[in-house]
Amino acid sequence: MTTILLIDANDNPIPALRLRGDRGHVINATTGSATRNSTAFLDDTKIVSVYATGAVHLMFGDNSVDAVTGVHYFPEGVYYDFAIGGYGVDHTPYLSVLAADEDCTVYISEKV
């Protein structure tokens, strides 16, 4: 497998990315309507980390993306990295969330 990440002694990639300064996002997710980050992810951001205080449905896309029930389910209390572009893949600058059960908060960190 080809990777640009550091490799450990067993040839496994090490996910060693740094947080971008001042590029954290907070989305207040509600059950009533989808909400997306108000500021687009930077063009050269390739990974975002997501953590939600409650279960949400999520979807990446442009400034018109709206998550709906039935799209990707993301559980409460999980910290996860998502690739959002680069290396020949189109960049997706927005994340839309819709609370699955009750209103909650979604934290997003851009990484490079």
Protein backbone atom coordinates (compact mmCIF):
# COMPACT_ATOMS: atom_id res chain seq x y z
CA MET A 1 0.00 0.00 0.00
CA THR A 2 1.38 3.40 -0.95
CA THR A 3 1.18 6.11 1.72
CA ILE A 4 2.74 9.46 2.57
CA LEU A 5 2.37 8.77 6.30
CA LEU A 6 5.26 7.69 8.49
CA ILE A 7 5.76 3.90 8.67
CA ASP A 8 6.36 1.89 11.86
CA ALA A 9 8.76 -1.09 12.20
CA ASN A 10 6.06 -3.43 10.82
CA ASP A 11 5.43 -1.26 7.73
CA ASN A 12 2.12 0.02 9.11
CA PRO A 13 1.23 3.67 8.42
CA ILE A 14 1.28 5.93 11.49
CA PRO A 15 -1.50 8.55 11.37
CA ALA A 16 0.75 11.45 12.37
CA LEU A 17 -1.09 14.58 11.29
CA ARG A 18 -1.10 17.92 13.06
CA LEU A 19 -4.05 20.08 13.99
CA ARG A 20 -4.36 23.32 12.02
CA GLY A 21 -4.23 26.38 14.26
CA ASP A 22 -7.56 28.22 14.51
CA ARG A 23 -9.31 25.67 12.27
CA GLY A 24 -11.59 23.98 14.77
CA HIS A 25 -15.31 24.03 14.00
CA VAL A 26 -18.36 23.49 16.20
CA ILE A 27 -21.76 22.58 14.81
CA ASN A 28 -24.88 22.51 16.96
CA ALA A 29 -26.83 19.58 15.52
CA THR A 30 -30.60 19.48 15.93
CA THR A 31 -33.25 16.92 15.04
CA GLY A 32 -35.28 19.57 13.22
CA SER A 33 -32.98 20.48 10.34
CA ALA A 34 -29.50 19.87 8.97
CA THR A 35 -26.69 22.25 9.87
CA ARG A 36 -23.26 22.63 8.23
CA ASN A 37 -20.01 24.33 9.18
CA SER A 38 -20.28 28.07 8.48
CA THR A 39 -16.65 28.40 7.35
CA ALA A 40 -15.38 26.11 4.58
CA PHE A 41 -12.49 23.77 5.29
CA LEU A 42 -9.27 25.14 3.77
CA ASP A 43 -8.45 23.91 0.27
CA ASP A 44 -5.33 22.09 1.39
CA THR A 45 -6.96 20.36 4.37
CA LYS A 46 -7.03 16.66 3.54
CA ILE A 47 -8.33 15.20 6.81
CA VAL A 48 -10.90 16.32 9.38
CA SER A 49 -11.43 14.71 12.77
CA VAL A 50 -15.01 14.54 14.00
CA TYR A 51 -16.42 13.97 17.50
CA ALA A 52 -20.13 14.16 18.34
CA THR A 53 -21.74 14.34 21.79
CA GLY A 54 -24.80 12.57 20.36
CA ALA A 55 -25.58 10.36 17.37
CA VAL A 56 -25.86 12.22 14.05
CA HIS A 57 -26.40 11.60 10.36
CA LEU A 58 -23.61 13.25 8.37
CA MET A 59 -22.73 14.09 4.81
CA PHE A 60 -19.78 15.90 3.21
CA GLY A 61 -20.15 18.18 0.18
CA ASP A 62 -20.29 21.76 -1.06
CA ASN A 63 -22.04 24.75 0.54
CA SER A 64 -25.47 23.30 -0.33
CA VAL A 65 -25.03 19.86 1.27
CA ASP A 66 -27.77 18.83 3.71
CA ALA A 67 -27.67 15.65 5.77
CA VAL A 68 -30.92 13.72 6.00
CA THR A 69 -32.12 10.71 7.93
CA GLY A 70 -30.80 7.65 6.18
CA VAL A 71 -27.41 9.01 5.14
CA HIS A 72 -24.27 8.07 7.01
CA TYR A 73 -24.92 7.41 10.70
CA PHE A 74 -22.19 8.55 13.08
CA PRO A 75 -22.47 7.35 16.70
CA GLU A 76 -22.06 9.37 19.87
CA GLY A 77 -18.67 9.51 21.56
CA VAL A 78 -16.51 8.35 18.65
CA TYR A 79 -13.43 10.31 17.49
CA TYR A 80 -12.84 9.59 13.80
CA ASP A 81 -10.70 10.93 10.94
CA PHE A 82 -12.30 11.50 7.51
CA ALA A 83 -10.41 12.15 4.27
CA ILE A 84 -11.95 15.16 2.51
CA GLY A 85 -9.76 15.44 -0.59
CA GLY A 86 -6.33 15.69 -2.08
CA TYR A 87 -4.22 13.21 -3.99
CA GLY A 88 -6.54 13.21 -7.01
CA VAL A 89 -9.81 13.28 -5.04
CA ASP A 90 -12.14 16.30 -5.16
CA HIS A 91 -12.08 18.48 -2.03
CA THR A 92 -15.29 18.56 0.06
CA PRO A 93 -15.26 21.78 2.12
CA TYR A 94 -18.42 21.32 4.21
CA LEU A 95 -19.89 18.82 6.66
CA SER A 96 -23.63 18.75 7.22
CA VAL A 97 -25.09 17.05 10.30
CA LEU A 98 -28.57 16.14 11.50
CA ALA A 99 -29.05 14.92 15.06
CA ALA A 100 -30.38 11.34 15.07
CA ASP A 101 -32.08 11.26 18.48
CA GLU A 102 -31.57 14.50 20.38
CA ASP A 103 -29.79 17.82 19.88
CA CYS A 104 -26.03 17.59 20.36
CA THR A 105 -22.71 19.21 19.49
CA VAL A 106 -20.29 18.13 16.76
CA TYR A 107 -16.63 19.13 17.01
CA ILE A 108 -14.45 19.16 13.89
CA SER A 109 -10.68 19.66 13.64
CA GLU A 110 -8.87 20.27 10.35
CA LYS A 111 -5.58 18.38 10.00
CA VAL A 112 -2.59 18.55 7.68
